[in-house]
Amino acid sequence: MTINIKFYGYIATSLDGYIARPNGKLDWLNDAAPKDSKEDYGYRNFMASVDCVLMGRASFEKVASFPEWPYKDKRVFVLSRTMKDAPKDLEEYQIDFFSGAVERLAVELQTLGMRNVYVDGGITLQSFIRAEMLDEIIVTQIPVLIGKGLELFSDFQKDIKLELISSQSFDSGFVQSRYRFVAEKGRYFDE
């Protein structure tokens, strides 16, 4: 079966490449945004362009701890081998759990009519890159060095080529770049 879905990443990193502190905290990210800014860095337009959100268990637990559920109008799929149900306070939202391979999930998403999928969370993004399924990624670099933490990208066996689609700087000092993964002979990786 041919998969006709596009998978997109949208994520922020510290300038030294971390998406969270070692304990998962995002305080550095919350502190970086100017308090009086109305800039959303293209997030609303991005969210309007996707059919659903896909994330790992750790990202889900982090987002579920926010004061308000941010995906009220989107169906959310959570990759987890252990978690099967949403917390009681989120039962009113469309949250599904999946424990299989990302390739199998892609087939299921296509069956459900999904065409553009937001992939969130470092480990989940890495899984999609390893499976050569991530089409594009938008990375917003925040001008702060946190020294250590959870990396956006991990060890890959081979180089992965990307093509810069666009880059934009903001008054806040944030720099957002959009990349397309380059397929060679249907694969990301050089042989």
N, C-alpha and C. Protein backbone atom coordinates (compact mmCIF):
# COMPACT_ATOMS: atom_id res chain seq x y z
N MET A 1 0.84 -1.19 0.00
CA MET A 1 0.00 0.00 0.00
C MET A 1 0.88 1.24 0.00
N THR A 2 0.58 2.16 -0.89
CA THR A 2 1.30 3.42 -0.95
C THR A 2 0.74 4.35 0.12
N ILE A 3 1.63 4.96 0.88
CA ILE A 3 1.23 5.89 1.93
C ILE A 3 1.22 7.30 1.34
N ASN A 4 0.07 7.94 1.39
CA ASN A 4 -0.08 9.31 0.87
C ASN A 4 -0.30 10.29 2.01
N ILE A 5 0.53 10.19 3.00
CA ILE A 5 0.46 11.09 4.15
C ILE A 5 1.78 11.86 4.22
N LYS A 6 1.69 13.10 4.65
CA LYS A 6 2.89 13.89 4.91
C LYS A 6 3.03 14.03 6.43
N PHE A 7 4.23 13.77 6.92
CA PHE A 7 4.52 13.88 8.34
C PHE A 7 5.45 15.08 8.55
N TYR A 8 5.05 15.95 9.49
CA TYR A 8 5.77 17.20 9.74
C TYR A 8 6.16 17.31 11.21
N GLY A 9 7.36 17.77 11.44
CA GLY A 9 7.78 18.11 12.79
C GLY A 9 7.73 19.62 12.97
N TYR A 10 7.43 20.05 14.18
CA TYR A 10 7.43 21.48 14.53
C TYR A 10 7.90 21.53 15.97
N ILE A 11 9.10 22.06 16.20
CA ILE A 11 9.68 21.95 17.54
C ILE A 11 10.67 23.09 17.78
N ALA A 12 10.88 23.39 19.05
CA ALA A 12 11.85 24.42 19.44
C ALA A 12 13.04 23.75 20.12
N THR A 13 14.21 24.36 19.91
CA THR A 13 15.42 23.89 20.59
C THR A 13 16.16 25.07 21.17
N SER A 14 16.96 24.78 22.19
CA SER A 14 17.92 25.78 22.65
C SER A 14 18.98 25.90 21.55
N LEU A 15 19.78 26.93 21.61
CA LEU A 15 20.81 27.11 20.59
C LEU A 15 21.80 25.94 20.58
N ASP A 16 21.96 25.28 21.72
CA ASP A 16 22.85 24.13 21.78
C ASP A 16 22.14 22.80 21.49
N GLY A 17 20.91 22.86 20.94
CA GLY A 17 20.27 21.68 20.39
C GLY A 17 19.41 20.85 21.31
N TYR A 18 19.03 21.38 22.47
CA TYR A 18 18.21 20.61 23.40
C TYR A 18 16.75 21.03 23.32
N ILE A 19 15.85 20.06 23.51
CA ILE A 19 14.41 20.34 23.48
C ILE A 19 13.82 20.45 24.88
N ALA A 20 14.57 19.99 25.87
CA ALA A 20 14.13 20.07 27.27
C ALA A 20 15.34 19.85 28.16
N ARG A 21 15.18 20.19 29.42
CA ARG A 21 16.24 19.89 30.39
C ARG A 21 16.28 18.37 30.61
N PRO A 22 17.32 17.85 31.27
CA PRO A 22 17.39 16.40 31.49
C PRO A 22 16.15 15.83 32.20
N ASN A 23 15.50 16.64 33.03
CA ASN A 23 14.30 16.18 33.75
C ASN A 23 13.01 16.47 32.97
N GLY A 24 13.14 16.94 31.72
CA GLY A 24 11.98 17.20 30.87
C GLY A 24 11.39 18.59 31.01
N LYS A 25 11.92 19.40 31.91
CA LYS A 25 11.35 20.74 32.12
C LYS A 25 11.62 21.66 30.94
N LEU A 26 10.65 22.57 30.71
CA LEU A 26 10.71 23.52 29.60
C LEU A 26 10.79 24.96 30.08
N ASP A 27 11.21 25.17 31.31
CA ASP A 27 11.25 26.53 31.87
C ASP A 27 12.07 27.49 31.02
N TRP A 28 13.16 27.02 30.45
CA TRP A 28 14.02 27.86 29.61
C TRP A 28 13.25 28.37 28.38
N LEU A 29 12.34 27.56 27.87
CA LEU A 29 11.55 27.93 26.71
C LEU A 29 10.49 28.96 27.10
N ASN A 30 9.82 28.73 28.20
CA ASN A 30 8.81 29.67 28.68
C ASN A 30 9.43 31.02 29.03
N ASP A 31 10.64 31.00 29.58
CA ASP A 31 11.31 32.25 29.97
C ASP A 31 11.85 33.02 28.77
N ALA A 32 12.04 32.35 27.62
CA ALA A 32 12.67 32.98 26.46
C ALA A 32 11.73 33.89 25.68
N ALA A 33 10.46 33.56 25.64
CA ALA A 33 9.51 34.34 24.83
C ALA A 33 9.22 35.68 25.51
N PRO A 34 9.28 36.75 24.75
CA PRO A 34 8.95 38.06 25.31
C PRO A 34 7.51 38.05 25.83
N LYS A 35 7.31 38.55 27.02
CA LYS A 35 6.00 38.49 27.67
C LYS A 35 4.95 39.34 26.95
N ASP A 36 5.37 40.41 26.29
CA ASP A 36 4.42 41.29 25.63
C ASP A 36 4.22 40.97 24.16
N SER A 37 4.86 39.92 23.67
CA SER A 37 4.80 39.58 22.25
C SER A 37 3.49 38.86 21.91
N LYS A 38 2.94 39.21 20.77
CA LYS A 38 1.76 38.52 20.27
C LYS A 38 2.15 37.55 19.15
N GLU A 39 3.44 37.43 18.88
CA GLU A 39 3.96 36.56 17.83
C GLU A 39 3.77 35.09 18.22
N ASP A 40 3.24 34.30 17.29
CA ASP A 40 3.09 32.86 17.57
C ASP A 40 4.03 32.02 16.72
N TYR A 41 4.91 32.66 15.96
CA TYR A 41 5.95 31.98 15.18
C TYR A 41 5.37 31.00 14.17
N GLY A 42 4.20 31.32 13.63
CA GLY A 42 3.58 30.50 12.60
C GLY A 42 2.83 29.29 13.12
N TYR A 43 2.72 29.16 14.43
CA TYR A 43 2.12 27.96 15.02
C TYR A 43 0.64 27.79 14.63
N ARG A 44 -0.14 28.85 14.69
CA ARG A 44 -1.57 28.73 14.34
C ARG A 44 -1.76 28.27 12.91
N ASN A 45 -1.00 28.85 11.99
CA ASN A 45 -1.09 28.44 10.58
C ASN A 45 -0.64 27.00 10.41
N PHE A 46 0.41 26.63 11.11
CA PHE A 46 0.88 25.24 11.03
C PHE A 46 -0.21 24.29 11.53
N MET A 47 -0.78 24.58 12.69
CA MET A 47 -1.82 23.70 13.25
C MET A 47 -3.05 23.63 12.34
N ALA A 48 -3.37 24.73 11.68
CA ALA A 48 -4.51 24.71 10.76
C ALA A 48 -4.24 23.82 9.55
N SER A 49 -2.96 23.57 9.25
CA SER A 49 -2.61 22.79 8.07
C SER A 49 -2.55 21.28 8.33
N VAL A 50 -2.65 20.86 9.59
CA VAL A 50 -2.54 19.42 9.90
C VAL A 50 -3.88 18.85 10.32
N ASP A 51 -4.04 17.55 10.06
CA ASP A 51 -5.28 16.85 10.38
C ASP A 51 -5.28 16.30 11.80
N CYS A 52 -4.12 15.94 12.30
CA CYS A 52 -4.03 15.34 13.63
C CYS A 52 -2.63 15.54 14.19
N VAL A 53 -2.49 15.18 15.47
CA VAL A 53 -1.20 15.30 16.18
C VAL A 53 -0.80 13.91 16.63
N LEU A 54 0.48 13.61 16.47
CA LEU A 54 1.03 12.33 16.87
C LEU A 54 2.20 12.60 17.80
N MET A 55 2.21 11.95 18.97
CA MET A 55 3.29 12.19 19.93
C MET A 55 3.56 10.93 20.73
N GLY A 56 4.70 10.91 21.39
CA GLY A 56 5.04 9.82 22.28
C GLY A 56 4.44 10.03 23.66
N ARG A 57 4.56 9.01 24.49
CA ARG A 57 3.99 9.05 25.84
C ARG A 57 4.56 10.18 26.67
N ALA A 58 5.88 10.37 26.65
CA ALA A 58 6.50 11.42 27.47
C ALA A 58 5.98 12.81 27.07
N SER A 59 5.89 13.07 25.77
CA SER A 59 5.36 14.35 25.31
C SER A 59 3.90 14.50 25.70
N PHE A 60 3.14 13.41 25.59
CA PHE A 60 1.73 13.45 25.97
C PHE A 60 1.59 13.80 27.45
N GLU A 61 2.38 13.15 28.29
CA GLU A 61 2.29 13.43 29.73
C GLU A 61 2.66 14.88 30.03
N LYS A 62 3.64 15.41 29.32
CA LYS A 62 4.02 16.82 29.51
C LYS A 62 2.87 17.74 29.10
N VAL A 63 2.30 17.51 27.93
CA VAL A 63 1.21 18.35 27.45
C VAL A 63 -0.03 18.18 28.32
N ALA A 64 -0.28 16.97 28.79
CA ALA A 64 -1.45 16.72 29.66
C ALA A 64 -1.32 17.45 30.99
N SER A 65 -0.10 17.82 31.38
CA SER A 65 0.10 18.54 32.64
C SER A 65 -0.14 20.05 32.50
N PHE A 66 -0.28 20.55 31.27
CA PHE A 66 -0.54 21.97 31.06
C PHE A 66 -1.90 22.33 31.64
N PRO A 67 -2.08 23.58 32.04
CA PRO A 67 -3.36 24.00 32.62
C PRO A 67 -4.55 23.78 31.67
N GLU A 68 -4.30 23.87 30.37
CA GLU A 68 -5.37 23.71 29.39
C GLU A 68 -4.88 22.79 28.26
N TRP A 69 -5.75 21.88 27.82
CA TRP A 69 -5.41 20.97 26.73
C TRP A 69 -5.31 21.77 25.43
N PRO A 70 -4.13 21.78 24.76
CA PRO A 70 -3.94 22.65 23.60
C PRO A 70 -4.51 22.11 22.28
N TYR A 71 -4.95 20.85 22.26
CA TYR A 71 -5.39 20.24 21.00
C TYR A 71 -6.88 19.93 21.00
N LYS A 72 -7.68 20.87 21.45
CA LYS A 72 -9.12 20.65 21.58
C LYS A 72 -9.79 20.29 20.26
N ASP A 73 -9.31 20.86 19.16
CA ASP A 73 -9.93 20.65 17.86
C ASP A 73 -9.21 19.63 17.00
N LYS A 74 -8.25 18.92 17.55
CA LYS A 74 -7.46 17.95 16.78
C LYS A 74 -7.54 16.57 17.41
N ARG A 75 -7.54 15.58 16.57
CA ARG A 75 -7.42 14.21 17.06
C ARG A 75 -5.95 13.99 17.38
N VAL A 76 -5.69 13.32 18.51
CA VAL A 76 -4.32 13.09 18.97
C VAL A 76 -4.08 11.58 19.05
N PHE A 77 -2.94 11.17 18.53
CA PHE A 77 -2.52 9.77 18.61
C PHE A 77 -1.26 9.73 19.45
N VAL A 78 -1.25 8.85 20.44
CA VAL A 78 -0.12 8.73 21.36
C VAL A 78 0.54 7.37 21.16
N LEU A 79 1.83 7.39 20.89
CA LEU A 79 2.60 6.14 20.78
C LEU A 79 3.03 5.73 22.17
N SER A 80 2.56 4.57 22.63
CA SER A 80 2.92 4.10 23.96
C SER A 80 2.68 2.59 24.05
N ARG A 81 3.63 1.91 24.65
CA ARG A 81 3.44 0.47 24.90
C ARG A 81 2.71 0.23 26.22
N THR A 82 2.71 1.23 27.10
CA THR A 82 2.16 1.04 28.44
C THR A 82 0.86 1.79 28.69
N MET A 83 0.71 2.96 28.14
CA MET A 83 -0.47 3.77 28.39
C MET A 83 -1.58 3.38 27.41
N LYS A 84 -2.78 3.16 27.93
CA LYS A 84 -3.89 2.73 27.08
C LYS A 84 -5.07 3.70 27.06
N ASP A 85 -5.15 4.55 28.10
CA ASP A 85 -6.28 5.46 28.22
C ASP A 85 -5.81 6.84 28.64
N ALA A 86 -6.57 7.84 28.22
CA ALA A 86 -6.29 9.22 28.62
C ALA A 86 -6.72 9.43 30.06
N PRO A 87 -6.09 10.37 30.76
CA PRO A 87 -6.55 10.72 32.11
C PRO A 87 -8.02 11.17 32.06
N LYS A 88 -8.70 11.00 33.16
CA LYS A 88 -10.14 11.32 33.24
C LYS A 88 -10.45 12.74 32.78
N ASP A 89 -9.59 13.70 33.12
CA ASP A 89 -9.88 15.09 32.77
C ASP A 89 -9.72 15.38 31.27
N LEU A 90 -9.21 14.40 30.50
CA LEU A 90 -9.06 14.59 29.05
C LEU A 90 -9.95 13.65 28.24
N GLU A 91 -10.83 12.92 28.90
CA GLU A 91 -11.66 11.94 28.21
C GLU A 91 -12.58 12.53 27.16
N GLU A 92 -12.89 13.81 27.26
CA GLU A 92 -13.80 14.44 26.30
C GLU A 92 -13.14 14.70 24.95
N TYR A 93 -11.81 14.59 24.88
CA TYR A 93 -11.08 14.87 23.65
C TYR A 93 -10.78 13.58 22.90
N GLN A 94 -10.52 13.72 21.60
CA GLN A 94 -10.20 12.56 20.77
C GLN A 94 -8.72 12.20 20.95
N ILE A 95 -8.45 11.26 21.83
CA ILE A 95 -7.08 10.82 22.10
C ILE A 95 -7.06 9.30 21.95
N ASP A 96 -6.23 8.82 21.02
CA ASP A 96 -6.09 7.40 20.76
C ASP A 96 -4.68 6.96 21.09
N PHE A 97 -4.54 5.73 21.53
CA PHE A 97 -3.23 5.18 21.88
C PHE A 97 -2.87 4.07 20.91
N PHE A 98 -1.60 4.02 20.56
CA PHE A 98 -1.12 3.05 19.58
C PHE A 98 0.20 2.48 20.06
N SER A 99 0.35 1.15 19.99
CA SER A 99 1.58 0.53 20.51
C SER A 99 2.42 -0.16 19.45
N GLY A 100 2.06 -0.04 18.18
CA GLY A 100 2.80 -0.73 17.13
C GLY A 100 3.87 0.13 16.49
N ALA A 101 4.40 -0.39 15.39
CA ALA A 101 5.44 0.30 14.62
C ALA A 101 4.85 1.52 13.91
N VAL A 102 5.69 2.53 13.70
CA VAL A 102 5.23 3.76 13.06
C VAL A 102 4.74 3.50 11.64
N GLU A 103 5.32 2.52 10.96
CA GLU A 103 4.88 2.19 9.61
C GLU A 103 3.44 1.67 9.62
N ARG A 104 3.10 0.87 10.61
CA ARG A 104 1.73 0.36 10.73
C ARG A 104 0.76 1.49 11.09
N LEU A 105 1.22 2.39 11.95
CA LEU A 105 0.39 3.53 12.31
C LEU A 105 0.09 4.39 11.08
N ALA A 106 1.06 4.56 10.20
CA ALA A 106 0.85 5.35 8.98
C ALA A 106 -0.28 4.76 8.15
N VAL A 107 -0.32 3.44 8.04
CA VAL A 107 -1.39 2.78 7.28
C VAL A 107 -2.73 3.06 7.95
N GLU A 108 -2.78 2.96 9.28
CA GLU A 108 -4.03 3.22 10.00
C GLU A 108 -4.48 4.67 9.84
N LEU A 109 -3.52 5.61 9.92
CA LEU A 109 -3.87 7.03 9.76
C LEU A 109 -4.43 7.30 8.38
N GLN A 110 -3.83 6.66 7.37
CA GLN A 110 -4.34 6.85 6.01
C GLN A 110 -5.75 6.29 5.88
N THR A 111 -6.00 5.15 6.49
CA THR A 111 -7.34 4.56 6.48
C THR A 111 -8.36 5.50 7.11
N LEU A 112 -7.92 6.26 8.11
CA LEU A 112 -8.80 7.21 8.79
C LEU A 112 -8.95 8.53 8.03
N GLY A 113 -8.26 8.65 6.89
CA GLY A 113 -8.39 9.86 6.07
C GLY A 113 -7.43 10.98 6.42
N MET A 114 -6.44 10.71 7.25
CA MET A 114 -5.46 11.73 7.62
C MET A 114 -4.49 11.93 6.45
N ARG A 115 -4.13 13.18 6.19
CA ARG A 115 -3.21 13.48 5.08
C ARG A 115 -1.97 14.24 5.55
N ASN A 116 -2.13 15.11 6.55
CA ASN A 116 -1.03 15.91 7.07
C ASN A 116 -0.98 15.72 8.58
N VAL A 117 0.14 15.19 9.06
CA VAL A 117 0.25 14.79 10.47
C VAL A 117 1.40 15.54 11.13
N TYR A 118 1.10 16.12 12.28
CA TYR A 118 2.10 16.80 13.12
C TYR A 118 2.71 15.76 14.05
N VAL A 119 4.01 15.53 13.90
CA VAL A 119 4.74 14.59 14.75
C VAL A 119 5.48 15.42 15.80
N ASP A 120 5.21 15.15 17.09
CA ASP A 120 5.77 15.96 18.17
C ASP A 120 6.56 15.08 19.14
N GLY A 121 7.62 15.64 19.68
CA GLY A 121 8.42 14.97 20.69
C GLY A 121 9.70 14.40 20.10
N GLY A 122 10.79 14.55 20.84
CA GLY A 122 12.10 14.15 20.35
C GLY A 122 12.22 12.69 19.95
N ILE A 123 11.81 11.79 20.81
CA ILE A 123 11.95 10.36 20.52
C ILE A 123 11.05 9.96 19.35
N THR A 124 9.85 10.51 19.31
CA THR A 124 8.93 10.19 18.22
C THR A 124 9.45 10.74 16.89
N LEU A 125 9.96 11.95 16.90
CA LEU A 125 10.57 12.50 15.68
C LEU A 125 11.74 11.62 15.23
N GLN A 126 12.58 11.21 16.16
CA GLN A 126 13.71 10.34 15.81
C GLN A 126 13.23 9.03 15.21
N SER A 127 12.14 8.47 15.75
CA SER A 127 11.57 7.23 15.21
C SER A 127 11.13 7.41 13.77
N PHE A 128 10.49 8.54 13.48
CA PHE A 128 10.03 8.79 12.12
C PHE A 128 11.19 9.05 11.18
N ILE A 129 12.25 9.69 11.67
CA ILE A 129 13.43 9.90 10.83
C ILE A 129 14.09 8.56 10.53
N ARG A 130 14.24 7.72 11.55
CA ARG A 130 14.84 6.39 11.33
C ARG A 130 14.01 5.55 10.36
N ALA A 131 12.70 5.68 10.42
CA ALA A 131 11.82 4.94 9.51
C ALA A 131 11.73 5.61 8.14
N GLU A 132 12.44 6.74 7.98
CA GLU A 132 12.48 7.51 6.74
C GLU A 132 11.08 7.96 6.32
N MET A 133 10.31 8.42 7.31
CA MET A 133 8.93 8.83 7.05
C MET A 133 8.68 10.31 7.31
N LEU A 134 9.58 11.01 7.97
CA LEU A 134 9.36 12.44 8.24
C LEU A 134 9.64 13.22 6.96
N ASP A 135 8.67 14.02 6.52
CA ASP A 135 8.82 14.77 5.27
C ASP A 135 9.49 16.12 5.47
N GLU A 136 9.05 16.85 6.51
CA GLU A 136 9.61 18.18 6.77
C GLU A 136 9.69 18.39 8.28
N ILE A 137 10.59 19.29 8.66
CA ILE A 137 10.68 19.67 10.07
C ILE A 137 10.91 21.17 10.15
N ILE A 138 10.18 21.80 11.05
CA ILE A 138 10.34 23.22 11.35
C ILE A 138 10.99 23.29 12.72
N VAL A 139 12.18 23.87 12.77
CA VAL A 139 12.94 23.98 14.01
C VAL A 139 13.10 25.44 14.35
N THR A 140 12.64 25.82 15.54
CA THR A 140 12.82 27.19 16.01
C THR A 140 13.91 27.18 17.06
N GLN A 141 15.02 27.86 16.74
CA GLN A 141 16.14 27.94 17.69
C GLN A 141 15.92 29.14 18.60
N ILE A 142 16.03 28.85 19.90
CA ILE A 142 15.84 29.87 20.92
C ILE A 142 17.23 30.31 21.39
N PRO A 143 17.51 31.62 21.46
CA PRO A 143 18.85 32.09 21.81
C PRO A 143 19.16 31.94 23.29
N VAL A 144 19.31 30.68 23.71
CA VAL A 144 19.71 30.38 25.07
C VAL A 144 20.51 29.07 25.03
N LEU A 145 21.54 29.01 25.85
CA LEU A 145 22.33 27.79 26.01
C LEU A 145 21.97 27.18 27.35
N ILE A 146 21.51 25.93 27.35
CA ILE A 146 21.14 25.31 28.63
C ILE A 146 22.15 24.26 29.07
N GLY A 147 23.15 23.97 28.23
CA GLY A 147 24.28 23.14 28.65
C GLY A 147 24.09 21.64 28.58
N LYS A 148 22.93 21.17 28.95
CA LYS A 148 22.64 19.73 28.84
C LYS A 148 21.14 19.54 28.85
N GLY A 149 20.72 18.39 28.35
CA GLY A 149 19.29 18.13 28.29
C GLY A 149 18.97 17.03 27.32
N LEU A 150 17.73 17.01 26.88
CA LEU A 150 17.25 16.02 25.92
C LEU A 150 17.48 16.57 24.53
N GLU A 151 18.23 15.85 23.73
CA GLU A 151 18.60 16.30 22.39
C GLU A 151 17.46 16.09 21.40
N LEU A 152 17.36 17.00 20.45
CA LEU A 152 16.39 16.82 19.38
C LEU A 152 16.81 15.67 18.49
N PHE A 153 18.07 15.64 18.12
CA PHE A 153 18.56 14.58 17.24
C PHE A 153 19.53 13.70 17.99
N SER A 154 19.44 12.44 17.72
CA SER A 154 20.28 11.45 18.39
C SER A 154 21.25 10.87 17.37
N ASP A 155 21.95 9.84 17.78
CA ASP A 155 22.88 9.17 16.88
C ASP A 155 22.13 8.50 15.74
N PHE A 156 22.55 8.80 14.53
CA PHE A 156 22.03 8.10 13.36
C PHE A 156 23.18 7.32 12.75
N GLN A 157 22.87 6.22 12.14
CA GLN A 157 23.90 5.36 11.57
C GLN A 157 24.61 5.99 10.39
N LYS A 158 23.90 6.86 9.66
CA LYS A 158 24.46 7.49 8.46
C LYS A 158 24.00 8.94 8.41
N ASP A 159 24.63 9.71 7.55
CA ASP A 159 24.22 11.10 7.37
C ASP A 159 22.82 11.17 6.77
N ILE A 160 22.09 12.18 7.17
CA ILE A 160 20.75 12.41 6.65
C ILE A 160 20.76 13.80 6.01
N LYS A 161 20.43 13.86 4.75
CA LYS A 161 20.46 15.13 4.03
C LYS A 161 19.12 15.84 4.13
N LEU A 162 19.21 17.16 4.33
CA LEU A 162 18.02 18.00 4.37
C LEU A 162 18.22 19.17 3.43
N GLU A 163 17.13 19.72 2.96
CA GLU A 163 17.15 20.89 2.10
C GLU A 163 16.42 22.01 2.82
N LEU A 164 17.06 23.16 2.93
CA LEU A 164 16.44 24.32 3.56
C LEU A 164 15.35 24.87 2.65
N ILE A 165 14.13 24.96 3.17
CA ILE A 165 13.01 25.52 2.43
C ILE A 165 12.90 27.02 2.71
N SER A 166 13.01 27.37 4.00
CA SER A 166 12.93 28.78 4.37
C SER A 166 13.55 28.98 5.75
N SER A 167 13.91 30.22 6.03
CA SER A 167 14.44 30.58 7.33
C SER A 167 13.99 32.00 7.64
N GLN A 168 13.63 32.22 8.89
CA GLN A 168 13.13 33.54 9.28
C GLN A 168 13.63 33.87 10.68
N SER A 169 14.06 35.10 10.86
CA SER A 169 14.44 35.55 12.20
C SER A 169 13.34 36.47 12.72
N PHE A 170 13.22 36.51 14.04
CA PHE A 170 12.19 37.30 14.70
C PHE A 170 12.86 38.31 15.62
N ASP A 171 12.13 39.37 15.99
CA ASP A 171 12.66 40.40 16.87
C ASP A 171 13.09 39.82 18.22
N SER A 172 12.48 38.72 18.62
CA SER A 172 12.81 38.07 19.89
C SER A 172 14.19 37.42 19.86
N GLY A 173 14.77 37.29 18.67
CA GLY A 173 16.04 36.57 18.52
C GLY A 173 15.84 35.12 18.12
N PHE A 174 14.60 34.67 18.09
CA PHE A 174 14.30 33.31 17.63
C PHE A 174 14.61 33.22 16.14
N VAL A 175 15.10 32.06 15.71
CA VAL A 175 15.34 31.81 14.28
C VAL A 175 14.63 30.51 13.93
N GLN A 176 13.73 30.60 12.95
CA GLN A 176 12.95 29.43 12.57
C GLN A 176 13.34 29.00 11.17
N SER A 177 13.68 27.71 11.04
CA SER A 177 14.06 27.16 9.75
C SER A 177 13.19 25.95 9.41
N ARG A 178 12.80 25.90 8.17
CA ARG A 178 11.98 24.78 7.69
C ARG A 178 12.83 23.97 6.71
N TYR A 179 12.90 22.66 6.96
CA TYR A 179 13.72 21.77 6.15
C TYR A 179 12.88 20.64 5.56
N ARG A 180 13.26 20.21 4.38
CA ARG A 180 12.69 19.04 3.74
C ARG A 180 13.74 17.94 3.78
N PHE A 181 13.32 16.73 4.14
CA PHE A 181 14.24 15.60 4.10
C PHE A 181 14.44 15.19 2.65
N VAL A 182 15.70 15.02 2.26
CA VAL A 182 16.04 14.70 0.88
C VAL A 182 16.11 13.19 0.72
N ALA A 183 15.30 12.68 -0.17
CA ALA A 183 15.32 11.24 -0.44
C ALA A 183 16.22 10.97 -1.64
N GLU A 184 17.09 10.01 -1.49
CA GLU A 184 17.91 9.56 -2.59
C GLU A 184 17.56 8.10 -2.83
N LYS A 185 17.05 7.83 -4.01
CA LYS A 185 16.61 6.47 -4.34
C LYS A 185 15.54 6.01 -3.35
N GLY A 186 14.68 6.96 -2.93
CA GLY A 186 13.60 6.61 -2.03
C GLY A 186 14.00 6.51 -0.58
N ARG A 187 15.24 6.88 -0.27
CA ARG A 187 15.69 6.78 1.12
C ARG A 187 16.37 8.07 1.53
N TYR A 188 16.37 8.37 2.82
CA TYR A 188 17.09 9.55 3.32
C TYR A 188 18.59 9.34 3.30
N PHE A 189 18.98 8.15 3.69
CA PHE A 189 20.36 7.91 4.05
C PHE A 189 21.25 7.66 2.83
N ASP A 190 22.48 8.17 2.88
CA ASP A 190 23.48 7.84 1.87
C ASP A 190 23.86 6.38 2.06
N GLU A 191 24.13 5.73 0.98
CA GLU A 191 24.57 4.32 1.07
C GLU A 191 26.09 4.29 1.15
